[in-house]
Every structure is written in C-alpha cells, then in structure tokens.
Amino acid sequence: MDLSSLFGGGNKQVSPQSYGFRSYVNVTNGDAAYATAADVYALIGAVAHADFRKIWQMTVAAQERIAWGFGSAGLPHNQGYMWFASLDEGTDWDVGVLRVQQASARETRNIVVSEIPDNALHTITVTDLGTARPTDRNQMIALPEKVEYPLIREDSLLQLWYRLNTAATAHDNTGFDIPITVYQ
C-alpha cells in the first residue's frame, strides 16, 4: 500500500499560473480619505516639512496581488514610466521628495520602494496638470516591476509619502500616474 495517498501525496493539485497585467494608479484610485486632488494637496500641506507624510493610500482588493511598476529594466520601451505634480497652477510648484511605499494592512511592516525628487517627475511648464505631464519617455523616470519586493497582497496598502521642501504659493492641483502590475 502506498502511504503517500493517505498523507496528501497522491493526486497532486497544480495551482493555476498567475499572470500579471500592467496598469497605473492615480489620485482617484485612492481609499476614501485620499481619492481627490483636494485630499492629496491638503495632506501635502501649505508649509515645508522635513518629515515624510502620507499623502495617498490604496488598499489592495480581494483576490489581487500588486507589484509597484511594470515591465523590465532590461527592456526600456516595455517598462512603466511615472509622473507626479503638485502645483499652484500658473504660478509655481511644490518641491519635495516622493516616496513610493508598500505596507501591511495594519502598517506594522513598511517597505520603501523608491524615493524620487519630484522635480524629476514633471515638466517645467507650470500652467496646469496637462502641461505638467511629460510626454517624452527620455525625460521621464522609469519604474520597472519591483520583483525584488514581496507582492502587495489583499488588504495590504500601496502608499505615497511626501516630504515638502519648498511649498508652492498656494495649492490648486495634484496629480500622478504610477505604474503597477496586477495579478489575479
């Protein structure tokens, strides 16, 4: 008698392969307290601050796993590119550092994925969000899929933190598109 069938060794079940698809997160993908530009620029603040503050968060949905970024660094035309801007439209920019982070559901485990000076994430034209969005891939910051980090699982958090070095005159608008890979 083969004892392996008594202890789960027989008729092995093979789980289906999971395939990721590329996507982006933006302001409106955020949880309720982070889902509008007004929510985000209010959290950025009107006064410079040396500490990082959470400005956006999204909870991963059931049956999903997410990685920051998409594509491969070895294939530059395949990877995701990001942009971020916080500005007083027609006047000036907030200047600071954007931190891309992932956290456990209760925020007991946090992993910083990237910190990027935000002046590298938008154009120099301060008119509005439309003109702030770069269109030349050679001038954009790439974020390939971060395979070196664990996948962000159900109920865990995608987060953006921001350190404001110089505040804009006022705050009119904030926007971003940051690449992710979604597995279902």
C-alpha atoms as a PDB file:
ATOM      1  CA  MET A   1       0.000   0.000   0.000  1.00  0.00           C
ATOM      2  CA  ASP A   2       1.286   3.450  -0.953  1.00  0.00           C
ATOM      3  CA  LEU A   3       1.105   5.685   2.147  1.00  0.00           C
ATOM      4  CA  SER A   4       1.640   8.875   0.159  1.00  0.00           C
ATOM      5  CA  SER A   5      -2.038   8.964  -0.820  1.00  0.00           C
ATOM      6  CA  LEU A   6      -3.018   8.922   2.868  1.00  0.00           C
ATOM      7  CA  PHE A   7      -0.817  11.921   3.635  1.00  0.00           C
ATOM      8  CA  GLY A   8      -1.661  14.139   0.690  1.00  0.00           C
ATOM      9  CA  GLY A   9       0.996  12.814  -1.668  1.00  0.00           C
ATOM     10  CA  GLY A  10      -1.319  11.365  -4.292  1.00  0.00           C
ATOM     11  CA  ASN A  11      -3.255  13.227  -6.977  1.00  0.00           C
ATOM     12  CA  LYS A  12      -1.319  16.468  -6.562  1.00  0.00           C
ATOM     13  CA  GLN A  13      -3.298  19.551  -7.427  1.00  0.00           C
ATOM     14  CA  VAL A  14      -1.467  22.111  -9.521  1.00  0.00           C
ATOM     15  CA  SER A  15      -2.494  25.695  -8.898  1.00  0.00           C
ATOM     16  CA  PRO A  16      -3.142  27.773 -11.995  1.00  0.00           C
ATOM     17  CA  GLN A  17      -0.380  30.097 -13.174  1.00  0.00           C
ATOM     18  CA  SER A  18      -0.951  33.731 -12.256  1.00  0.00           C
ATOM     19  CA  TYR A  19      -0.326  36.327 -14.959  1.00  0.00           C
ATOM     20  CA  GLY A  20       0.107  39.995 -14.278  1.00  0.00           C
ATOM     21  CA  PHE A  21      -1.192  42.853 -16.340  1.00  0.00           C
ATOM     22  CA  ARG A  22       0.092  46.370 -16.385  1.00  0.00           C
ATOM     23  CA  SER A  23      -1.873  49.277 -15.018  1.00  0.00           C
ATOM     24  CA  TYR A  24      -1.443  52.646 -13.323  1.00  0.00           C
ATOM     25  CA  VAL A  25      -2.671  54.115 -10.068  1.00  0.00           C
ATOM     26  CA  ASN A  26      -3.715  57.738  -9.844  1.00  0.00           C
ATOM     27  CA  VAL A  27      -5.417  60.006  -7.316  1.00  0.00           C
ATOM     28  CA  THR A  28      -8.914  58.608  -7.899  1.00  0.00           C
ATOM     29  CA  ASN A  29      -7.781  55.030  -7.108  1.00  0.00           C
ATOM     30  CA  GLY A  30      -7.090  56.019  -3.506  1.00  0.00           C
ATOM     31  CA  ASP A  31      -9.056  54.981  -0.434  1.00  0.00           C
ATOM     32  CA  ALA A  32     -11.867  57.354   0.617  1.00  0.00           C
ATOM     33  CA  ALA A  33      -9.668  59.836   2.509  1.00  0.00           C
ATOM     34  CA  TYR A  34      -7.191  60.013  -0.418  1.00  0.00           C
ATOM     35  CA  ALA A  35      -9.354  59.867  -3.551  1.00  0.00           C
ATOM     36  CA  THR A  36      -9.395  63.508  -4.738  1.00  0.00           C
ATOM     37  CA  ALA A  37      -6.731  66.030  -5.667  1.00  0.00           C
ATOM     38  CA  ALA A  38      -8.029  68.256  -2.839  1.00  0.00           C
ATOM     39  CA  ASP A  39      -7.486  65.412  -0.339  1.00  0.00           C
ATOM     40  CA  VAL A  40      -3.924  64.883  -1.559  1.00  0.00           C
ATOM     41  CA  TYR A  41      -2.767  68.512  -1.669  1.00  0.00           C
ATOM     42  CA  ALA A  42      -4.338  69.156   1.741  1.00  0.00           C
ATOM     43  CA  LEU A  43      -2.210  66.294   3.107  1.00  0.00           C
ATOM     44  CA  ILE A  44       0.892  67.652   1.360  1.00  0.00           C
ATOM     45  CA  GLY A  45       0.437  70.813   3.416  1.00  0.00           C
ATOM     46  CA  ALA A  46       0.965  74.503   2.851  1.00  0.00           C
ATOM     47  CA  VAL A  47       4.208  74.750   4.842  1.00  0.00           C
ATOM     48  CA  ALA A  48       7.513  72.980   4.184  1.00  0.00           C
ATOM     49  CA  HIS A  49       8.186  69.995   6.442  1.00  0.00           C
ATOM     50  CA  ALA A  50      11.321  67.888   6.841  1.00  0.00           C
ATOM     51  CA  ASP A  51       9.436  64.692   7.661  1.00  0.00           C
ATOM     52  CA  PHE A  52       7.656  62.397   5.227  1.00  0.00           C
ATOM     53  CA  ARG A  53       3.842  62.487   5.433  1.00  0.00           C
ATOM     54  CA  LYS A  54       1.401  60.024   3.939  1.00  0.00           C
ATOM     55  CA  ILE A  55      -0.470  61.759   1.120  1.00  0.00           C
ATOM     56  CA  TRP A  56      -2.148  58.820  -0.658  1.00  0.00           C
ATOM     57  CA  GLN A  57      -3.114  55.226   0.025  1.00  0.00           C
ATOM     58  CA  MET A  58      -4.901  52.388  -1.766  1.00  0.00           C
ATOM     59  CA  THR A  59      -5.999  49.112  -0.177  1.00  0.00           C
ATOM     60  CA  VAL A  60      -5.430  46.037  -2.350  1.00  0.00           C
ATOM     61  CA  ALA A  61      -8.714  44.368  -3.284  1.00  0.00           C
ATOM     62  CA  ALA A  62      -9.653  40.755  -2.565  1.00  0.00           C
ATOM     63  CA  GLN A  63      -8.020  38.131  -4.781  1.00  0.00           C
ATOM     64  CA  GLU A  64      -5.430  40.595  -6.095  1.00  0.00           C
ATOM     65  CA  ARG A  65      -1.707  40.928  -5.644  1.00  0.00           C
ATOM     66  CA  ILE A  66       0.133  44.011  -6.834  1.00  0.00           C
ATOM     67  CA  ALA A  67       3.730  44.978  -7.511  1.00  0.00           C
ATOM     68  CA  TRP A  68       4.878  48.575  -7.941  1.00  0.00           C
ATOM     69  CA  GLY A  69       5.999  49.199 -11.525  1.00  0.00           C
ATOM     70  CA  PHE A  70       5.641  47.127 -14.672  1.00  0.00           C
ATOM     71  CA  GLY A  71       7.876  45.738 -17.356  1.00  0.00           C
ATOM     72  CA  SER A  72      11.594  45.065 -17.213  1.00  0.00           C
ATOM     73  CA  ALA A  73      14.519  47.429 -16.702  1.00  0.00           C
ATOM     74  CA  GLY A  74      16.293  45.465 -19.437  1.00  0.00           C
ATOM     75  CA  LEU A  75      13.626  46.482 -21.949  1.00  0.00           C
ATOM     76  CA  PRO A  76      13.164  50.280 -21.575  1.00  0.00           C
ATOM     77  CA  HIS A  77      10.269  50.514 -24.030  1.00  0.00           C
ATOM     78  CA  ASN A  78       8.412  47.822 -22.084  1.00  0.00           C
ATOM     79  CA  GLN A  79       8.618  49.359 -18.589  1.00  0.00           C
ATOM     80  CA  GLY A  80       6.305  51.803 -16.866  1.00  0.00           C
ATOM     81  CA  TYR A  81       7.076  55.498 -16.518  1.00  0.00           C
ATOM     82  CA  MET A  82       5.726  57.693 -13.761  1.00  0.00           C
ATOM     83  CA  TRP A  83       4.799  61.315 -13.278  1.00  0.00           C
ATOM     84  CA  PHE A  84       3.768  63.370 -10.251  1.00  0.00           C
ATOM     85  CA  ALA A  85       2.992  67.063  -9.841  1.00  0.00           C
ATOM     86  CA  SER A  86       1.697  69.282  -7.060  1.00  0.00           C
ATOM     87  CA  LEU A  87       1.341  72.914  -8.058  1.00  0.00           C
ATOM     88  CA  ASP A  88      -0.182  76.339  -7.824  1.00  0.00           C
ATOM     89  CA  GLU A  89      -1.438  76.411 -11.407  1.00  0.00           C
ATOM     90  CA  GLY A  90       0.184  79.167 -13.455  1.00  0.00           C
ATOM     91  CA  THR A  91       2.472  80.187 -10.579  1.00  0.00           C
ATOM     92  CA  ASP A  92       4.851  77.599  -9.081  1.00  0.00           C
ATOM     93  CA  TRP A  93       5.455  74.027  -7.901  1.00  0.00           C
ATOM     94  CA  ASP A  94       5.695  72.275  -4.610  1.00  0.00           C
ATOM     95  CA  VAL A  95       9.260  70.996  -4.396  1.00  0.00           C
ATOM     96  CA  GLY A  96       9.977  67.861  -2.428  1.00  0.00           C
ATOM     97  CA  VAL A  97      10.626  64.147  -2.458  1.00  0.00           C
ATOM     98  CA  LEU A  98       8.031  61.490  -3.315  1.00  0.00           C
ATOM     99  CA  ARG A  99       8.363  58.149  -1.517  1.00  0.00           C
ATOM    100  CA  VAL A 100       6.720  55.063  -3.056  1.00  0.00           C
ATOM    101  CA  GLN A 101       5.998  52.543  -0.322  1.00  0.00           C
ATOM    102  CA  GLN A 102       4.127  49.346   0.444  1.00  0.00           C
ATOM    103  CA  ALA A 103       2.733  48.442   3.853  1.00  0.00           C
ATOM    104  CA  SER A 104       0.955  45.616   5.614  1.00  0.00           C
ATOM    105  CA  ALA A 105      -2.750  46.100   6.362  1.00  0.00           C
ATOM    106  CA  ARG A 106      -2.080  47.402   9.887  1.00  0.00           C
ATOM    107  CA  GLU A 107       1.072  49.249   8.779  1.00  0.00           C
ATOM    108  CA  THR A 108       3.277  47.159  11.069  1.00  0.00           C
ATOM    109  CA  ARG A 109       5.579  46.350   8.150  1.00  0.00           C
ATOM    110  CA  ASN A 110       6.570  49.086   5.713  1.00  0.00           C
ATOM    111  CA  ILE A 111       8.867  48.774   2.730  1.00  0.00           C
ATOM    112  CA  VAL A 112      10.203  51.838   0.928  1.00  0.00           C
ATOM    113  CA  VAL A 113      10.407  51.006  -2.772  1.00  0.00           C
ATOM    114  CA  SER A 114      11.721  54.310  -4.107  1.00  0.00           C
ATOM    115  CA  GLU A 115      12.350  57.956  -3.223  1.00  0.00           C
ATOM    116  CA  ILE A 116      12.384  60.413  -6.115  1.00  0.00           C
ATOM    117  CA  PRO A 117      12.846  64.200  -6.114  1.00  0.00           C
ATOM    118  CA  ASP A 118       9.563  65.387  -7.598  1.00  0.00           C
ATOM    119  CA  ASN A 119      11.180  67.940  -9.915  1.00  0.00           C
ATOM    120  CA  ALA A 120      12.290  64.894 -11.979  1.00  0.00           C
ATOM    121  CA  LEU A 121       8.669  63.719 -12.267  1.00  0.00           C
ATOM    122  CA  HIS A 122       7.066  66.631 -14.162  1.00  0.00           C
ATOM    123  CA  THR A 123       7.811  69.173 -16.889  1.00  0.00           C
ATOM    124  CA  ILE A 124       8.944  72.741 -16.227  1.00  0.00           C
ATOM    125  CA  THR A 125       5.665  74.210 -17.566  1.00  0.00           C
ATOM    126  CA  VAL A 126       3.573  75.173 -14.545  1.00  0.00           C
ATOM    127  CA  THR A 127       0.351  76.099 -16.399  1.00  0.00           C
ATOM    128  CA  ASP A 128      -1.805  73.145 -15.258  1.00  0.00           C
ATOM    129  CA  LEU A 129      -1.718  69.360 -14.795  1.00  0.00           C
ATOM    130  CA  GLY A 130      -1.971  68.808 -18.545  1.00  0.00           C
ATOM    131  CA  THR A 131       1.221  70.726 -19.268  1.00  0.00           C
ATOM    132  CA  ALA A 132       2.908  69.237 -16.177  1.00  0.00           C
ATOM    133  CA  ARG A 133       2.691  65.716 -17.643  1.00  0.00           C
ATOM    134  CA  PRO A 134       5.861  64.770 -19.541  1.00  0.00           C
ATOM    135  CA  THR A 135       5.389  63.106 -22.911  1.00  0.00           C
ATOM    136  CA  ASP A 136       8.995  62.346 -23.860  1.00  0.00           C
ATOM    137  CA  ARG A 137       9.936  58.976 -22.382  1.00  0.00           C
ATOM    138  CA  ASN A 138      13.602  60.045 -22.352  1.00  0.00           C
ATOM    139  CA  GLN A 139      12.751  62.744 -19.803  1.00  0.00           C
ATOM    140  CA  MET A 140      10.639  60.513 -17.539  1.00  0.00           C
ATOM    141  CA  ILE A 141      11.556  58.355 -14.544  1.00  0.00           C
ATOM    142  CA  ALA A 142      11.048  54.637 -15.186  1.00  0.00           C
ATOM    143  CA  LEU A 143       9.567  52.281 -12.608  1.00  0.00           C
ATOM    144  CA  PRO A 144      10.022  48.691 -13.843  1.00  0.00           C
ATOM    145  CA  GLU A 145       8.208  45.942 -11.944  1.00  0.00           C
ATOM    146  CA  LYS A 146       9.789  45.700  -8.490  1.00  0.00           C
ATOM    147  CA  VAL A 147      10.248  41.916  -8.479  1.00  0.00           C
ATOM    148  CA  GLU A 148      12.788  42.163  -5.650  1.00  0.00           C
ATOM    149  CA  TYR A 149       9.990  43.086  -3.216  1.00  0.00           C
ATOM    150  CA  PRO A 150       7.160  40.841  -1.992  1.00  0.00           C
ATOM    151  CA  LEU A 151       3.837  41.236  -3.771  1.00  0.00           C
ATOM    152  CA  ILE A 152       1.380  43.544  -2.023  1.00  0.00           C
ATOM    153  CA  ARG A 153      -1.497  41.258  -1.088  1.00  0.00           C
ATOM    154  CA  GLU A 154      -5.181  41.555  -0.211  1.00  0.00           C
ATOM    155  CA  ASP A 155      -5.889  44.281   2.390  1.00  0.00           C
ATOM    156  CA  SER A 156      -2.280  45.496   2.282  1.00  0.00           C
ATOM    157  CA  LEU A 157      -1.510  49.051   1.200  1.00  0.00           C
ATOM    158  CA  LEU A 158       0.085  50.922  -1.665  1.00  0.00           C
ATOM    159  CA  GLN A 159       1.186  54.284  -0.291  1.00  0.00           C
ATOM    160  CA  LEU A 160       2.746  57.566  -1.354  1.00  0.00           C
ATOM    161  CA  TRP A 161       4.565  59.688   1.220  1.00  0.00           C
ATOM    162  CA  TYR A 162       5.885  63.185   0.578  1.00  0.00           C
ATOM    163  CA  ARG A 163       8.498  65.451   2.112  1.00  0.00           C
ATOM    164  CA  LEU A 164       7.757  69.067   1.193  1.00  0.00           C
ATOM    165  CA  ASN A 165      10.987  71.063   0.918  1.00  0.00           C
ATOM    166  CA  THR A 166       9.503  74.229  -0.610  1.00  0.00           C
ATOM    167  CA  ALA A 167       5.775  74.920  -0.673  1.00  0.00           C
ATOM    168  CA  ALA A 168       4.034  76.392  -3.701  1.00  0.00           C
ATOM    169  CA  THR A 169       2.411  79.817  -3.245  1.00  0.00           C
ATOM    170  CA  ALA A 170      -0.968  78.071  -2.969  1.00  0.00           C
ATOM    171  CA  HIS A 171      -2.220  74.582  -3.771  1.00  0.00           C
ATOM    172  CA  ASP A 172      -4.527  74.210  -6.769  1.00  0.00           C
ATOM    173  CA  ASN A 173      -3.934  70.731  -8.071  1.00  0.00           C
ATOM    174  CA  THR A 174      -2.105  67.455  -7.647  1.00  0.00           C
ATOM    175  CA  GLY A 175      -1.931  64.513  -9.990  1.00  0.00           C
ATOM    176  CA  PHE A 176       0.089  61.404 -10.701  1.00  0.00           C
ATOM    177  CA  ASP A 177       0.220  58.167 -12.656  1.00  0.00           C
ATOM    178  CA  ILE A 178       2.433  55.456 -11.170  1.00  0.00           C
ATOM    179  CA  PRO A 179       2.804  52.060 -12.878  1.00  0.00           C
ATOM    180  CA  ILE A 180       1.778  48.820 -11.160  1.00  0.00           C
ATOM    181  CA  THR A 181       1.463  45.158 -12.132  1.00  0.00           C
ATOM    182  CA  VAL A 182      -1.782  43.489 -11.027  1.00  0.00           C
ATOM    183  CA  TYR A 183      -2.017  39.714 -10.516  1.00  0.00           C
ATOM    184  CA  GLN A 184      -5.404  37.999 -10.173  1.00  0.00           C
END
